[in-house]
Structures are given as structure tokens and as C-alpha cells.
Amino acid sequence: MIHTKWQNSPTIKTVKCVHTNAAKYTVSSALTEGKMYDVKNETEEFIFVIDNTGKVGAYYKDYFEL
């Protein structure tokens, strides 16, 4: 269960949120357009960042400027 340690793991990089226009899910409550976020893990499709709730969340990469 490696995901339980992501909160305290070192930051891989920092990315900027470019939009919160989600077709299916509401992300505007967890992400702020123009804000920088610390990346804790990354896959082909998703990026795991510490969002506005203070927890690690998984989001599609198209919300961010990589």
C-alpha cells in the first residue's frame, strides 16, 4: 500500500493547474486555476498532487501544465 506514504514522500516536481473544466467530475472544489501543486506520483494518464483539501488526489494530466 505505497499510496499511504505519498503524503510524506518527497515532491517529484511542481505543476500549474491550467483549468478546472471537468466534463464528468467536479474538480473546482479541490483544484484552483493558476495555483501550483506538488506532484507526489505520476502515471501515463493521471497525476497525483496534494490538492486544496491537503490530501493526495488523482487527476487527469490535462488539468495541468506539465
C-alpha atoms as a PDB file:
ATOM      1  CA  MET A   1       0.000   0.000   0.000  1.00  0.00           C
ATOM      2  CA  ILE A   2       2.509   2.544  -1.207  1.00  0.00           C
ATOM      3  CA  HIS A   3      -0.174   5.206  -1.705  1.00  0.00           C
ATOM      4  CA  THR A   4      -0.500   5.596   2.065  1.00  0.00           C
ATOM      5  CA  LYS A   5       3.030   7.087   2.194  1.00  0.00           C
ATOM      6  CA  TRP A   6       2.644   9.597  -0.691  1.00  0.00           C
ATOM      7  CA  GLN A   7       1.585  12.421   1.644  1.00  0.00           C
ATOM      8  CA  ASN A   8       5.038  12.489   3.267  1.00  0.00           C
ATOM      9  CA  SER A   9       7.109  11.385   0.269  1.00  0.00           C
ATOM     10  CA  PRO A  10       9.442  13.846  -1.478  1.00  0.00           C
ATOM     11  CA  THR A  11       7.947  16.042  -4.183  1.00  0.00           C
ATOM     12  CA  ILE A  12       8.799  14.882  -7.720  1.00  0.00           C
ATOM     13  CA  LYS A  13       8.053  18.224  -9.386  1.00  0.00           C
ATOM     14  CA  THR A  14       5.642  21.148  -9.260  1.00  0.00           C
ATOM     15  CA  VAL A  15       2.882  21.699 -11.823  1.00  0.00           C
ATOM     16  CA  LYS A  16       0.443  24.532 -12.527  1.00  0.00           C
ATOM     17  CA  CYS A  17      -3.313  23.966 -12.818  1.00  0.00           C
ATOM     18  CA  VAL A  18      -4.488  25.474 -16.123  1.00  0.00           C
ATOM     19  CA  HIS A  19      -8.240  24.769 -15.908  1.00  0.00           C
ATOM     20  CA  THR A  20     -10.941  23.099 -13.823  1.00  0.00           C
ATOM     21  CA  ASN A  21     -13.478  22.482 -16.609  1.00  0.00           C
ATOM     22  CA  ALA A  22     -14.267  18.832 -15.976  1.00  0.00           C
ATOM     23  CA  ALA A  23     -16.796  17.047 -18.165  1.00  0.00           C
ATOM     24  CA  LYS A  24     -17.746  14.363 -15.657  1.00  0.00           C
ATOM     25  CA  TYR A  25     -16.452  15.240 -12.174  1.00  0.00           C
ATOM     26  CA  THR A  26     -16.331  18.413 -10.086  1.00  0.00           C
ATOM     27  CA  VAL A  27     -12.702  19.352  -9.544  1.00  0.00           C
ATOM     28  CA  SER A  28     -13.102  23.081  -8.895  1.00  0.00           C
ATOM     29  CA  SER A  29     -13.549  22.408  -5.172  1.00  0.00           C
ATOM     30  CA  ALA A  30     -10.185  20.607  -4.978  1.00  0.00           C
ATOM     31  CA  LEU A  31      -8.117  22.494  -7.584  1.00  0.00           C
ATOM     32  CA  THR A  32      -7.643  26.213  -8.207  1.00  0.00           C
ATOM     33  CA  GLU A  33      -6.860  27.505 -11.669  1.00  0.00           C
ATOM     34  CA  GLY A  34      -3.413  29.133 -11.753  1.00  0.00           C
ATOM     35  CA  LYS A  35      -2.188  27.547  -8.498  1.00  0.00           C
ATOM     36  CA  MET A  36       0.984  25.448  -8.274  1.00  0.00           C
ATOM     37  CA  TYR A  37       0.717  21.900  -6.872  1.00  0.00           C
ATOM     38  CA  ASP A  38       3.344  19.438  -5.605  1.00  0.00           C
ATOM     39  CA  VAL A  39       3.426  16.171  -7.557  1.00  0.00           C
ATOM     40  CA  LYS A  40       3.806  13.054  -5.420  1.00  0.00           C
ATOM     41  CA  ASN A  41       3.389  10.382  -8.131  1.00  0.00           C
ATOM     42  CA  GLU A  42       2.642  10.174 -11.841  1.00  0.00           C
ATOM     43  CA  THR A  43       1.313   7.574 -14.290  1.00  0.00           C
ATOM     44  CA  GLU A  44       0.575   7.608 -18.027  1.00  0.00           C
ATOM     45  CA  GLU A  45      -2.891   9.109 -17.535  1.00  0.00           C
ATOM     46  CA  PHE A  46      -3.009  10.530 -14.007  1.00  0.00           C
ATOM     47  CA  ILE A  47      -1.012  12.848 -11.811  1.00  0.00           C
ATOM     48  CA  PHE A  48      -1.165  12.636  -8.011  1.00  0.00           C
ATOM     49  CA  VAL A  49      -0.926  16.003  -6.261  1.00  0.00           C
ATOM     50  CA  ILE A  50      -1.634  17.471  -2.852  1.00  0.00           C
ATOM     51  CA  ASP A  51      -4.810  19.399  -3.644  1.00  0.00           C
ATOM     52  CA  ASN A  52      -6.709  22.146  -1.782  1.00  0.00           C
ATOM     53  CA  THR A  53      -8.051  19.627   0.745  1.00  0.00           C
ATOM     54  CA  GLY A  54      -4.498  18.903   1.922  1.00  0.00           C
ATOM     55  CA  LYS A  55      -4.667  15.284   0.796  1.00  0.00           C
ATOM     56  CA  VAL A  56      -3.212  13.485  -2.211  1.00  0.00           C
ATOM     57  CA  GLY A  57      -5.678  13.360  -5.090  1.00  0.00           C
ATOM     58  CA  ALA A  58      -5.509  11.781  -8.543  1.00  0.00           C
ATOM     59  CA  TYR A  59      -6.360  13.975 -11.528  1.00  0.00           C
ATOM     60  CA  TYR A  60      -6.114  13.698 -15.292  1.00  0.00           C
ATOM     61  CA  LYS A  61      -2.959  15.313 -16.633  1.00  0.00           C
ATOM     62  CA  ASP A  62      -4.928  17.638 -18.921  1.00  0.00           C
ATOM     63  CA  TYR A  63      -5.789  19.870 -15.935  1.00  0.00           C
ATOM     64  CA  PHE A  64      -2.109  20.774 -15.526  1.00  0.00           C
ATOM     65  CA  GLU A  65       0.710  22.441 -17.400  1.00  0.00           C
ATOM     66  CA  LEU A  66       3.499  19.872 -17.216  1.00  0.00           C
END
